[in-house]
Amino acid sequence: PFERHSFGIGLAALLAAARGVWTYNLGVTVPAADLIGAARKLHAAAVVVGLTQEALPDLEAVEYARELHAKLPPNVEVLLGGNAGVRVAASISSKRVRGIATLEEFDGICSRWQ
């Protein structure tokens, strides 16, 4: 939602697709309501949000992640990628919200979804 570039989230989508996981890339700066609506419409198992440490103050990112957590169906995982994503996920007490520090870590998650 806060990134100005799509490189990281694009790489994550390609990595997931290479593992046989169906992906739909909404791009950058996606409002929470739009992401939630798309996840519901697409019956997503997870949403992946890129957050670099420069992206936005953590407080706003935490609010965004909490909105996703509260409004997405309970079976949908929220994966927050990047340095800020790890910090934000740590501040939310939920097994559904995870911080992903590296693409290698994300690859391990993708292999679980195969």
PDB file of N, CA and C in Angstrom:
ATOM      1  N   PRO A   1       0.810  -1.211   0.000  1.00  0.00           N
ATOM      2  CA  PRO A   1       0.000   0.000   0.000  1.00  0.00           C
ATOM      3  C   PRO A   1       0.848   1.267   0.000  1.00  0.00           C
ATOM      4  N   PHE A   2       2.099   1.151   0.427  1.00  0.00           N
ATOM      5  CA  PHE A   2       2.910   2.334   0.636  1.00  0.00           C
ATOM      6  C   PHE A   2       4.119   2.380  -0.273  1.00  0.00           C
ATOM      7  N   GLU A   3       4.364   1.308  -0.985  1.00  0.00           N
ATOM      8  CA  GLU A   3       5.533   1.238  -1.856  1.00  0.00           C
ATOM      9  C   GLU A   3       5.315   2.090  -3.098  1.00  0.00           C
ATOM     10  N   ARG A   4       6.392   2.656  -3.589  1.00  0.00           N
ATOM     11  CA  ARG A   4       6.340   3.438  -4.823  1.00  0.00           C
ATOM     12  C   ARG A   4       6.844   2.611  -6.009  1.00  0.00           C
ATOM     13  N   HIS A   5       7.401   1.455  -5.729  1.00  0.00           N
ATOM     14  CA  HIS A   5       7.905   0.594  -6.799  1.00  0.00           C
ATOM     15  C   HIS A   5       7.319  -0.803  -6.620  1.00  0.00           C
ATOM     16  N   SER A   6       7.334  -1.562  -7.697  1.00  0.00           N
ATOM     17  CA  SER A   6       6.696  -2.878  -7.664  1.00  0.00           C
ATOM     18  C   SER A   6       7.693  -4.027  -7.754  1.00  0.00           C
ATOM     19  N   PHE A   7       8.971  -3.730  -7.640  1.00  0.00           N
ATOM     20  CA  PHE A   7       9.985  -4.764  -7.845  1.00  0.00           C
ATOM     21  C   PHE A   7       9.841  -5.928  -6.872  1.00  0.00           C
ATOM     22  N   GLY A   8       9.770  -5.659  -5.584  1.00  0.00           N
ATOM     23  CA  GLY A   8       9.703  -6.729  -4.584  1.00  0.00           C
ATOM     24  C   GLY A   8       8.449  -7.565  -4.695  1.00  0.00           C
ATOM     25  N   ILE A   9       7.310  -6.908  -4.796  1.00  0.00           N
ATOM     26  CA  ILE A   9       6.049  -7.651  -4.869  1.00  0.00           C
ATOM     27  C   ILE A   9       5.947  -8.396  -6.205  1.00  0.00           C
ATOM     28  N   GLY A  10       6.539  -7.803  -7.260  1.00  0.00           N
ATOM     29  CA  GLY A  10       6.579  -8.491  -8.555  1.00  0.00           C
ATOM     30  C   GLY A  10       7.419  -9.750  -8.494  1.00  0.00           C
ATOM     31  N   LEU A  11       8.571  -9.668  -7.830  1.00  0.00           N
ATOM     32  CA  LEU A  11       9.411 -10.855  -7.654  1.00  0.00           C
ATOM     33  C   LEU A  11       8.692 -11.926  -6.846  1.00  0.00           C
ATOM     34  N   ALA A  12       7.980 -11.501  -5.803  1.00  0.00           N
ATOM     35  CA  ALA A  12       7.235 -12.465  -4.987  1.00  0.00           C
ATOM     36  C   ALA A  12       6.164 -13.160  -5.828  1.00  0.00           C
ATOM     37  N   ALA A  13       5.463 -12.409  -6.663  1.00  0.00           N
ATOM     38  CA  ALA A  13       4.434 -13.006  -7.525  1.00  0.00           C
ATOM     39  C   ALA A  13       5.050 -13.995  -8.511  1.00  0.00           C
ATOM     40  N   LEU A  14       6.189 -13.632  -9.099  1.00  0.00           N
ATOM     41  CA  LEU A  14       6.872 -14.542 -10.028  1.00  0.00           C
ATOM     42  C   LEU A  14       7.358 -15.803  -9.324  1.00  0.00           C
ATOM     43  N   LEU A  15       7.899 -15.640  -8.140  1.00  0.00           N
ATOM     44  CA  LEU A  15       8.379 -16.786  -7.370  1.00  0.00           C
ATOM     45  C   LEU A  15       7.228 -17.732  -7.043  1.00  0.00           C
ATOM     46  N   ALA A  16       6.112 -17.171  -6.596  1.00  0.00           N
ATOM     47  CA  ALA A  16       4.944 -18.002  -6.285  1.00  0.00           C
ATOM     48  C   ALA A  16       4.442 -18.712  -7.543  1.00  0.00           C
ATOM     49  N   ALA A  17       4.350 -17.985  -8.642  1.00  0.00           N
ATOM     50  CA  ALA A  17       3.873 -18.583  -9.891  1.00  0.00           C
ATOM     51  C   ALA A  17       4.807 -19.704 -10.359  1.00  0.00           C
ATOM     52  N   ALA A  18       6.114 -19.504 -10.177  1.00  0.00           N
ATOM     53  CA  ALA A  18       7.074 -20.547 -10.555  1.00  0.00           C
ATOM     54  C   ALA A  18       6.889 -21.806  -9.721  1.00  0.00           C
ATOM     55  N   ARG A  19       6.350 -21.653  -8.521  1.00  0.00           N
ATOM     56  CA  ARG A  19       6.051 -22.792  -7.637  1.00  0.00           C
ATOM     57  C   ARG A  19       4.677 -23.384  -7.921  1.00  0.00           C
ATOM     58  N   GLY A  20       3.972 -22.841  -8.907  1.00  0.00           N
ATOM     59  CA  GLY A  20       2.658 -23.368  -9.250  1.00  0.00           C
ATOM     60  C   GLY A  20       1.527 -22.756  -8.448  1.00  0.00           C
ATOM     61  N   VAL A  21       1.804 -21.667  -7.754  1.00  0.00           N
ATOM     62  CA  VAL A  21       0.777 -20.996  -6.955  1.00  0.00           C
ATOM     63  C   VAL A  21       0.116 -19.947  -7.836  1.00  0.00           C
ATOM     64  N   TRP A  22      -1.212 -19.940  -7.877  1.00  0.00           N
ATOM     65  CA  TRP A  22      -1.941 -18.949  -8.658  1.00  0.00           C
ATOM     66  C   TRP A  22      -1.799 -17.593  -7.972  1.00  0.00           C
ATOM     67  N   THR A  23      -1.421 -16.564  -8.743  1.00  0.00           N
ATOM     68  CA  THR A  23      -1.228 -15.232  -8.176  1.00  0.00           C
ATOM     69  C   THR A  23      -2.020 -14.193  -8.953  1.00  0.00           C
ATOM     70  N   TYR A  24      -2.291 -13.101  -8.279  1.00  0.00           N
ATOM     71  CA  TYR A  24      -2.928 -11.938  -8.906  1.00  0.00           C
ATOM     72  C   TYR A  24      -2.255 -10.717  -8.298  1.00  0.00           C
ATOM     73  N   ASN A  25      -1.484  -9.998  -9.106  1.00  0.00           N
ATOM     74  CA  ASN A  25      -0.721  -8.852  -8.617  1.00  0.00           C
ATOM     75  C   ASN A  25      -1.552  -7.585  -8.784  1.00  0.00           C
ATOM     76  N   LEU A  26      -1.925  -6.965  -7.670  1.00  0.00           N
ATOM     77  CA  LEU A  26      -2.715  -5.729  -7.703  1.00  0.00           C
ATOM     78  C   LEU A  26      -1.853  -4.491  -7.866  1.00  0.00           C
ATOM     79  N   GLY A  27      -0.531  -4.644  -7.793  1.00  0.00           N
ATOM     80  CA  GLY A  27       0.349  -3.510  -7.954  1.00  0.00           C
ATOM     81  C   GLY A  27       0.690  -2.845  -6.639  1.00  0.00           C
ATOM     82  N   VAL A  28       1.033  -1.572  -6.705  1.00  0.00           N
ATOM     83  CA  VAL A  28       1.491  -0.832  -5.528  1.00  0.00           C
ATOM     84  C   VAL A  28       0.429   0.174  -5.076  1.00  0.00           C
ATOM     85  N   THR A  29       0.604   0.666  -3.880  1.00  0.00           N
ATOM     86  CA  THR A  29      -0.269   1.668  -3.247  1.00  0.00           C
ATOM     87  C   THR A  29      -1.744   1.277  -3.319  1.00  0.00           C
ATOM     88  N   VAL A  30      -2.035   0.047  -2.944  1.00  0.00           N
ATOM     89  CA  VAL A  30      -3.411  -0.466  -2.969  1.00  0.00           C
ATOM     90  C   VAL A  30      -4.071  -0.180  -1.616  1.00  0.00           C
ATOM     91  N   PRO A  31      -5.166   0.560  -1.612  1.00  0.00           N
ATOM     92  CA  PRO A  31      -5.880   0.797  -0.357  1.00  0.00           C
ATOM     93  C   PRO A  31      -6.357  -0.515   0.266  1.00  0.00           C
ATOM     94  N   ALA A  32      -6.426  -0.554   1.584  1.00  0.00           N
ATOM     95  CA  ALA A  32      -6.830  -1.771   2.289  1.00  0.00           C
ATOM     96  C   ALA A  32      -8.184  -2.271   1.808  1.00  0.00           C
ATOM     97  N   ALA A  33      -9.144  -1.385   1.639  1.00  0.00           N
ATOM     98  CA  ALA A  33     -10.486  -1.804   1.207  1.00  0.00           C
ATOM     99  C   ALA A  33     -10.439  -2.500  -0.153  1.00  0.00           C
ATOM    100  N   ASP A  34      -9.598  -2.006  -1.059  1.00  0.00           N
ATOM    101  CA  ASP A  34      -9.472  -2.627  -2.380  1.00  0.00           C
ATOM    102  C   ASP A  34      -8.826  -4.001  -2.283  1.00  0.00           C
ATOM    103  N   LEU A  35      -7.805  -4.124  -1.452  1.00  0.00           N
ATOM    104  CA  LEU A  35      -7.134  -5.413  -1.266  1.00  0.00           C
ATOM    105  C   LEU A  35      -8.090  -6.424  -0.636  1.00  0.00           C
ATOM    106  N   ILE A  36      -8.837  -6.000   0.348  1.00  0.00           N
ATOM    107  CA  ILE A  36      -9.805  -6.885   1.005  1.00  0.00           C
ATOM    108  C   ILE A  36     -10.874  -7.322   0.017  1.00  0.00           C
ATOM    109  N   GLY A  37     -11.393  -6.383  -0.772  1.00  0.00           N
ATOM    110  CA  GLY A  37     -12.403  -6.723  -1.773  1.00  0.00           C
ATOM    111  C   GLY A  37     -11.892  -7.713  -2.806  1.00  0.00           C
ATOM    112  N   ALA A  38     -10.665  -7.489  -3.291  1.00  0.00           N
ATOM    113  CA  ALA A  38     -10.078  -8.405  -4.275  1.00  0.00           C
ATOM    114  C   ALA A  38      -9.841  -9.779  -3.674  1.00  0.00           C
ATOM    115  N   ALA A  39      -9.351  -9.827  -2.449  1.00  0.00           N
ATOM    116  CA  ALA A  39      -9.100 -11.119  -1.796  1.00  0.00           C
ATOM    117  C   ALA A  39     -10.391 -11.906  -1.641  1.00  0.00           C
ATOM    118  N   ARG A  40     -11.460 -11.223  -1.271  1.00  0.00           N
ATOM    119  CA  ARG A  40     -12.762 -11.902  -1.145  1.00  0.00           C
ATOM    120  C   ARG A  40     -13.257 -12.394  -2.503  1.00  0.00           C
ATOM    121  N   LYS A  41     -13.192 -11.534  -3.503  1.00  0.00           N
ATOM    122  CA  LYS A  41     -13.676 -11.891  -4.838  1.00  0.00           C
ATOM    123  C   LYS A  41     -12.889 -13.056  -5.437  1.00  0.00           C
ATOM    124  N   LEU A  42     -11.585 -13.071  -5.188  1.00  0.00           N
ATOM    125  CA  LEU A  42     -10.716 -14.105  -5.751  1.00  0.00           C
ATOM    126  C   LEU A  42     -10.597 -15.345  -4.865  1.00  0.00           C
ATOM    127  N   HIS A  43     -11.244 -15.331  -3.699  1.00  0.00           N
ATOM    128  CA  HIS A  43     -11.165 -16.431  -2.734  1.00  0.00           C
ATOM    129  C   HIS A  43      -9.710 -16.750  -2.407  1.00  0.00           C
ATOM    130  N   ALA A  44      -8.965 -15.704  -2.107  1.00  0.00           N
ATOM    131  CA  ALA A  44      -7.529 -15.839  -1.846  1.00  0.00           C
ATOM    132  C   ALA A  44      -7.262 -16.609  -0.557  1.00  0.00           C
ATOM    133  N   ALA A  45      -6.205 -17.389  -0.578  1.00  0.00           N
ATOM    134  CA  ALA A  45      -5.734 -18.072   0.630  1.00  0.00           C
ATOM    135  C   ALA A  45      -4.817 -17.168   1.429  1.00  0.00           C
ATOM    136  N   ALA A  46      -4.221 -16.178   0.741  1.00  0.00           N
ATOM    137  CA  ALA A  46      -3.299 -15.259   1.401  1.00  0.00           C
ATOM    138  C   ALA A  46      -3.226 -13.964   0.616  1.00  0.00           C
ATOM    139  N   VAL A  47      -2.826 -12.907   1.311  1.00  0.00           N
ATOM    140  CA  VAL A  47      -2.470 -11.650   0.655  1.00  0.00           C
ATOM    141  C   VAL A  47      -1.032 -11.340   1.058  1.00  0.00           C
ATOM    142  N   VAL A  48      -0.289 -10.793   0.109  1.00  0.00           N
ATOM    143  CA  VAL A  48       1.108 -10.457   0.344  1.00  0.00           C
ATOM    144  C   VAL A  48       1.268  -8.962   0.126  1.00  0.00           C
ATOM    145  N   VAL A  49       1.819  -8.286   1.132  1.00  0.00           N
ATOM    146  CA  VAL A  49       2.004  -6.839   1.087  1.00  0.00           C
ATOM    147  C   VAL A  49       3.486  -6.542   1.278  1.00  0.00           C
ATOM    148  N   GLY A  50       4.055  -5.750   0.391  1.00  0.00           N
ATOM    149  CA  GLY A  50       5.452  -5.366   0.523  1.00  0.00           C
ATOM    150  C   GLY A  50       5.596  -4.111   1.365  1.00  0.00           C
ATOM    151  N   LEU A  51       6.482  -4.161   2.346  1.00  0.00           N
ATOM    152  CA  LEU A  51       6.765  -3.006   3.212  1.00  0.00           C
ATOM    153  C   LEU A  51       8.262  -2.900   3.427  1.00  0.00           C
ATOM    154  N   THR A  52       8.900  -1.959   2.764  1.00  0.00           N
ATOM    155  CA  THR A  52      10.310  -1.730   3.060  1.00  0.00           C
ATOM    156  C   THR A  52      10.395  -0.786   4.253  1.00  0.00           C
ATOM    157  N   GLN A  53      11.560  -0.667   4.823  1.00  0.00           N
ATOM    158  CA  GLN A  53      11.678   0.179   6.006  1.00  0.00           C
ATOM    159  C   GLN A  53      11.478   1.653   5.683  1.00  0.00           C
ATOM    160  N   GLU A  54      11.627   2.044   4.439  1.00  0.00           N
ATOM    161  CA  GLU A  54      11.421   3.434   4.063  1.00  0.00           C
ATOM    162  C   GLU A  54       9.983   3.725   3.666  1.00  0.00           C
ATOM    163  N   ALA A  55       9.158   2.712   3.564  1.00  0.00           N
ATOM    164  CA  ALA A  55       7.845   2.858   2.958  1.00  0.00           C
ATOM    165  C   ALA A  55       6.923   3.820   3.696  1.00  0.00           C
ATOM    166  N   LEU A  56       6.821   3.702   4.987  1.00  0.00           N
ATOM    167  CA  LEU A  56       5.840   4.471   5.740  1.00  0.00           C
ATOM    168  C   LEU A  56       6.149   4.330   7.215  1.00  0.00           C
ATOM    169  N   PRO A  57       5.776   5.299   7.998  1.00  0.00           N
ATOM    170  CA  PRO A  57       5.941   5.116   9.447  1.00  0.00           C
ATOM    171  C   PRO A  57       5.221   3.850   9.917  1.00  0.00           C
ATOM    172  N   ASP A  58       5.838   3.143  10.839  1.00  0.00           N
ATOM    173  CA  ASP A  58       5.283   1.875  11.302  1.00  0.00           C
ATOM    174  C   ASP A  58       3.851   1.996  11.808  1.00  0.00           C
ATOM    175  N   LEU A  59       3.506   3.087  12.448  1.00  0.00           N
ATOM    176  CA  LEU A  59       2.163   3.235  12.999  1.00  0.00           C
ATOM    177  C   LEU A  59       1.101   3.111  11.916  1.00  0.00           C
ATOM    178  N   GLU A  60       1.293   3.774  10.792  1.00  0.00           N
ATOM    179  CA  GLU A  60       0.322   3.681   9.694  1.00  0.00           C
ATOM    180  C   GLU A  60       0.316   2.281   9.085  1.00  0.00           C
ATOM    181  N   ALA A  61       1.474   1.678   8.988  1.00  0.00           N
ATOM    182  CA  ALA A  61       1.548   0.319   8.454  1.00  0.00           C
ATOM    183  C   ALA A  61       0.859  -0.672   9.389  1.00  0.00           C
ATOM    184  N   VAL A  62       0.998  -0.478  10.703  1.00  0.00           N
ATOM    185  CA  VAL A  62       0.313  -1.341  11.677  1.00  0.00           C
ATOM    186  C   VAL A  62      -1.194  -1.189  11.535  1.00  0.00           C
ATOM    187  N   GLU A  63      -1.665   0.028  11.389  1.00  0.00           N
ATOM    188  CA  GLU A  63      -3.108   0.252  11.207  1.00  0.00           C
ATOM    189  C   GLU A  63      -3.612  -0.456   9.953  1.00  0.00           C
ATOM    190  N   TYR A  64      -2.847  -0.380   8.878  1.00  0.00           N
ATOM    191  CA  TYR A  64      -3.197  -1.045   7.626  1.00  0.00           C
ATOM    192  C   TYR A  64      -3.274  -2.560   7.833  1.00  0.00           C
ATOM    193  N   ALA A  65      -2.250  -3.121   8.462  1.00  0.00           N
ATOM    194  CA  ALA A  65      -2.223  -4.568   8.699  1.00  0.00           C
ATOM    195  C   ALA A  65      -3.357  -5.001   9.624  1.00  0.00           C
ATOM    196  N   ARG A  66      -3.659  -4.208  10.625  1.00  0.00           N
ATOM    197  CA  ARG A  66      -4.772  -4.541  11.521  1.00  0.00           C
ATOM    198  C   ARG A  66      -6.104  -4.522  10.787  1.00  0.00           C
ATOM    199  N   GLU A  67      -6.262  -3.585   9.857  1.00  0.00           N
ATOM    200  CA  GLU A  67      -7.489  -3.554   9.066  1.00  0.00           C
ATOM    201  C   GLU A  67      -7.604  -4.812   8.207  1.00  0.00           C
ATOM    202  N   LEU A  68      -6.515  -5.218   7.590  1.00  0.00           N
ATOM    203  CA  LEU A  68      -6.535  -6.461   6.809  1.00  0.00           C
ATOM    204  C   LEU A  68      -6.900  -7.638   7.706  1.00  0.00           C
ATOM    205  N   HIS A  69      -6.260  -7.717   8.851  1.00  0.00           N
ATOM    206  CA  HIS A  69      -6.508  -8.815   9.784  1.00  0.00           C
ATOM    207  C   HIS A  69      -7.967  -8.849  10.224  1.00  0.00           C
ATOM    208  N   ALA A  70      -8.533  -7.699  10.504  1.00  0.00           N
ATOM    209  CA  ALA A  70      -9.908  -7.624  11.011  1.00  0.00           C
ATOM    210  C   ALA A  70     -10.954  -7.901   9.944  1.00  0.00           C
ATOM    211  N   LYS A  71     -10.686  -7.508   8.706  1.00  0.00           N
ATOM    212  CA  LYS A  71     -11.734  -7.544   7.679  1.00  0.00           C
ATOM    213  C   LYS A  71     -11.602  -8.661   6.651  1.00  0.00           C
ATOM    214  N   LEU A  72     -10.450  -9.299   6.601  1.00  0.00           N
ATOM    215  CA  LEU A  72     -10.311 -10.446   5.703  1.00  0.00           C
ATOM    216  C   LEU A  72     -10.945 -11.669   6.354  1.00  0.00           C
ATOM    217  N   PRO A  73     -11.430 -12.618   5.558  1.00  0.00           N
ATOM    218  CA  PRO A  73     -11.940 -13.861   6.143  1.00  0.00           C
ATOM    219  C   PRO A  73     -10.872 -14.522   7.027  1.00  0.00           C
ATOM    220  N   PRO A  74     -11.287 -15.215   8.072  1.00  0.00           N
ATOM    221  CA  PRO A  74     -10.330 -15.777   9.028  1.00  0.00           C
ATOM    222  C   PRO A  74      -9.378 -16.827   8.460  1.00  0.00           C
ATOM    223  N   ASN A  75      -9.663 -17.365   7.296  1.00  0.00           N
ATOM    224  CA  ASN A  75      -8.781 -18.359   6.692  1.00  0.00           C
ATOM    225  C   ASN A  75      -7.721 -17.742   5.774  1.00  0.00           C
ATOM    226  N   VAL A  76      -7.709 -16.423   5.634  1.00  0.00           N
ATOM    227  CA  VAL A  76      -6.763 -15.756   4.744  1.00  0.00           C
ATOM    228  C   VAL A  76      -5.541 -15.287   5.535  1.00  0.00           C
ATOM    229  N   GLU A  77      -4.365 -15.744   5.110  1.00  0.00           N
ATOM    230  CA  GLU A  77      -3.123 -15.315   5.736  1.00  0.00           C
ATOM    231  C   GLU A  77      -2.743 -13.923   5.240  1.00  0.00           C
ATOM    232  N   VAL A  78      -2.102 -13.151   6.102  1.00  0.00           N
ATOM    233  CA  VAL A  78      -1.582 -11.832   5.745  1.00  0.00           C
ATOM    234  C   VAL A  78      -0.069 -11.902   5.875  1.00  0.00           C
ATOM    235  N   LEU A  79       0.627 -11.809   4.743  1.00  0.00           N
ATOM    236  CA  LEU A  79       2.084 -11.877   4.729  1.00  0.00           C
ATOM    237  C   LEU A  79       2.630 -10.490   4.432  1.00  0.00           C
ATOM    238  N   LEU A  80       3.459  -9.989   5.331  1.00  0.00           N
ATOM    239  CA  LEU A  80       4.035  -8.658   5.202  1.00  0.00           C
ATOM    240  C   LEU A  80       5.519  -8.800   4.915  1.00  0.00           C
ATOM    241  N   GLY A  81       5.912  -8.460   3.708  1.00  0.00           N
ATOM    242  CA  GLY A  81       7.291  -8.642   3.293  1.00  0.00           C
ATOM    243  C   GLY A  81       8.147  -7.419   3.515  1.00  0.00           C
ATOM    244  N   GLY A  82       9.414  -7.650   3.778  1.00  0.00           N
ATOM    245  CA  GLY A  82      10.366  -6.564   3.964  1.00  0.00           C
ATOM    246  C   GLY A  82      10.664  -6.300   5.428  1.00  0.00           C
ATOM    247  N   ASN A  83      11.637  -5.434   5.645  1.00  0.00           N
ATOM    248  CA  ASN A  83      12.063  -5.138   7.017  1.00  0.00           C
ATOM    249  C   ASN A  83      10.937  -4.560   7.860  1.00  0.00           C
ATOM    250  N   ALA A  84      10.211  -3.598   7.310  1.00  0.00           N
ATOM    251  CA  ALA A  84       9.096  -3.012   8.057  1.00  0.00           C
ATOM    252  C   ALA A  84       7.992  -4.044   8.263  1.00  0.00           C
ATOM    253  N   GLY A  85       7.798  -4.931   7.304  1.00  0.00           N
ATOM    254  CA  GLY A  85       6.785  -5.974   7.434  1.00  0.00           C
ATOM    255  C   GLY A  85       7.030  -6.873   8.625  1.00  0.00           C
ATOM    256  N   VAL A  86       8.284  -7.195   8.863  1.00  0.00           N
ATOM    257  CA  VAL A  86       8.631  -8.032  10.013  1.00  0.00           C
ATOM    258  C   VAL A  86       8.312  -7.296  11.310  1.00  0.00           C
ATOM    259  N   ARG A  87       8.661  -6.004  11.377  1.00  0.00           N
ATOM    260  CA  ARG A  87       8.361  -5.215  12.582  1.00  0.00           C
ATOM    261  C   ARG A  87       6.858  -5.083  12.802  1.00  0.00           C
ATOM    262  N   VAL A  88       6.134  -4.805  11.732  1.00  0.00           N
ATOM    263  CA  VAL A  88       4.682  -4.627  11.842  1.00  0.00           C
ATOM    264  C   VAL A  88       4.023  -5.921  12.279  1.00  0.00           C
ATOM    265  N   ALA A  89       4.382  -7.031  11.673  1.00  0.00           N
ATOM    266  CA  ALA A  89       3.790  -8.323  12.032  1.00  0.00           C
ATOM    267  C   ALA A  89       4.040  -8.664  13.491  1.00  0.00           C
ATOM    268  N   ALA A  90       5.218  -8.319  13.988  1.00  0.00           N
ATOM    269  CA  ALA A  90       5.552  -8.607  15.387  1.00  0.00           C
ATOM    270  C   ALA A  90       4.657  -7.845  16.354  1.00  0.00           C
ATOM    271  N   SER A  91       4.094  -6.731  15.914  1.00  0.00           N
ATOM    272  CA  SER A  91       3.244  -5.928  16.796  1.00  0.00           C
ATOM    273  C   SER A  91       1.781  -6.377  16.788  1.00  0.00           C
ATOM    274  N   ILE A  92       1.457  -7.346  15.942  1.00  0.00           N
ATOM    275  CA  ILE A  92       0.083  -7.844  15.846  1.00  0.00           C
ATOM    276  C   ILE A  92       0.066  -9.273  16.363  1.00  0.00           C
ATOM    277  N   SER A  93      -0.740  -9.528  17.345  1.00  0.00           N
ATOM    278  CA  SER A  93      -0.794 -10.855  17.979  1.00  0.00           C
ATOM    279  C   SER A  93      -1.742 -11.773  17.216  1.00  0.00           C
ATOM    280  N   SER A  94      -1.249 -12.329  16.129  1.00  0.00           N
ATOM    281  CA  SER A  94      -2.065 -13.243  15.338  1.00  0.00           C
ATOM    282  C   SER A  94      -1.160 -14.174  14.544  1.00  0.00           C
ATOM    283  N   LYS A  95      -1.517 -15.435  14.526  1.00  0.00           N
ATOM    284  CA  LYS A  95      -0.768 -16.399  13.718  1.00  0.00           C
ATOM    285  C   LYS A  95      -1.012 -16.185  12.226  1.00  0.00           C
ATOM    286  N   ARG A  96      -2.104 -15.475  11.882  1.00  0.00           N
ATOM    287  CA  ARG A  96      -2.435 -15.211  10.482  1.00  0.00           C
ATOM    288  C   ARG A  96      -1.591 -14.114   9.868  1.00  0.00           C
ATOM    289  N   VAL A  97      -0.978 -13.273  10.673  1.00  0.00           N
ATOM    290  CA  VAL A  97      -0.177 -12.157  10.181  1.00  0.00           C
ATOM    291  C   VAL A  97       1.289 -12.486  10.402  1.00  0.00           C
ATOM    292  N   ARG A  98       2.037 -12.594   9.296  1.00  0.00           N
ATOM    293  CA  ARG A  98       3.449 -12.994   9.386  1.00  0.00           C
ATOM    294  C   ARG A  98       4.325 -11.998   8.660  1.00  0.00           C
ATOM    295  N   GLY A  99       5.463 -11.730   9.242  1.00  0.00           N
ATOM    296  CA  GLY A  99       6.480 -10.938   8.576  1.00  0.00           C
ATOM    297  C   GLY A  99       7.422 -11.853   7.812  1.00  0.00           C
ATOM    298  N   ILE A 100       7.758 -11.471   6.607  1.00  0.00           N
ATOM    299  CA  ILE A 100       8.635 -12.262   5.750  1.00  0.00           C
ATOM    300  C   ILE A 100       9.845 -11.392   5.406  1.00  0.00           C
ATOM    301  N   ALA A 101      11.008 -11.775   5.898  1.00  0.00           N
ATOM    302  CA  ALA A 101      12.197 -10.945   5.731  1.00  0.00           C
ATOM    303  C   ALA A 101      12.874 -11.123   4.372  1.00  0.00           C
ATOM    304  N   THR A 102      12.808 -12.320   3.807  1.00  0.00           N
ATOM    305  CA  THR A 102      13.568 -12.594   2.581  1.00  0.00           C
ATOM    306  C   THR A 102      12.710 -13.346   1.558  1.00  0.00           C
ATOM    307  N   LEU A 103      13.140 -13.284   0.314  1.00  0.00           N
ATOM    308  CA  LEU A 103      12.458 -14.064  -0.722  1.00  0.00           C
ATOM    309  C   LEU A 103      12.660 -15.563  -0.503  1.00  0.00           C
ATOM    310  N   GLU A 104      13.778 -15.943   0.092  1.00  0.00           N
ATOM    311  CA  GLU A 104      14.004 -17.364   0.398  1.00  0.00           C
ATOM    312  C   GLU A 104      12.952 -17.862   1.399  1.00  0.00           C
ATOM    313  N   GLU A 105      12.666 -17.051   2.392  1.00  0.00           N
ATOM    314  CA  GLU A 105      11.628 -17.408   3.362  1.00  0.00           C
ATOM    315  C   GLU A 105      10.265 -17.503   2.682  1.00  0.00           C
ATOM    316  N   PHE A 106       9.993 -16.564   1.786  1.00  0.00           N
ATOM    317  CA  PHE A 106       8.734 -16.596   1.051  1.00  0.00           C
ATOM    318  C   PHE A 106       8.649 -17.829   0.174  1.00  0.00           C
ATOM    319  N   ASP A 107       9.760 -18.233  -0.426  1.00  0.00           N
ATOM    320  CA  ASP A 107       9.790 -19.434  -1.257  1.00  0.00           C
ATOM    321  C   ASP A 107       9.377 -20.659  -0.442  1.00  0.00           C
ATOM    322  N   GLY A 108       9.838 -20.743   0.813  1.00  0.00           N
ATOM    323  CA  GLY A 108       9.441 -21.852   1.672  1.00  0.00           C
ATOM    324  C   GLY A 108       7.936 -21.869   1.914  1.00  0.00           C
ATOM    325  N   ILE A 109       7.346 -20.704   2.072  1.00  0.00           N
ATOM    326  CA  ILE A 109       5.892 -20.625   2.256  1.00  0.00           C
ATOM    327  C   ILE A 109       5.182 -21.057   0.982  1.00  0.00           C
ATOM    328  N   CYS A 110       5.690 -20.616  -0.161  1.00  0.00           N
ATOM    329  CA  CYS A 110       5.083 -20.982  -1.453  1.00  0.00           C
ATOM    330  C   CYS A 110       5.093 -22.493  -1.655  1.00  0.00           C
ATOM    331  N   SER A 111       6.186 -23.130  -1.253  1.00  0.00           N
ATOM    332  CA  SER A 111       6.252 -24.588  -1.431  1.00  0.00           C
ATOM    333  C   SER A 111       5.202 -25.288  -0.584  1.00  0.00           C
ATOM    334  N   ARG A 112       4.807 -24.694   0.520  1.00  0.00           N
ATOM    335  CA  ARG A 112       3.748 -25.244   1.371  1.00  0.00           C
ATOM    336  C   ARG A 112       2.383 -25.133   0.681  1.00  0.00           C
ATOM    337  N   TRP A 113       2.194 -24.113  -0.166  1.00  0.00           N
ATOM    338  CA  TRP A 113       0.907 -23.900  -0.836  1.00  0.00           C
ATOM    339  C   TRP A 113       0.728 -24.770  -2.088  1.00  0.00           C
ATOM    340  N   GLN A 114       1.775 -25.445  -2.524  1.00  0.00           N
ATOM    341  CA  GLN A 114       1.687 -26.229  -3.764  1.00  0.00           C
ATOM    342  C   GLN A 114       0.641 -27.304  -3.677  1.00  0.00           C
TER     343      GLN A 114
END
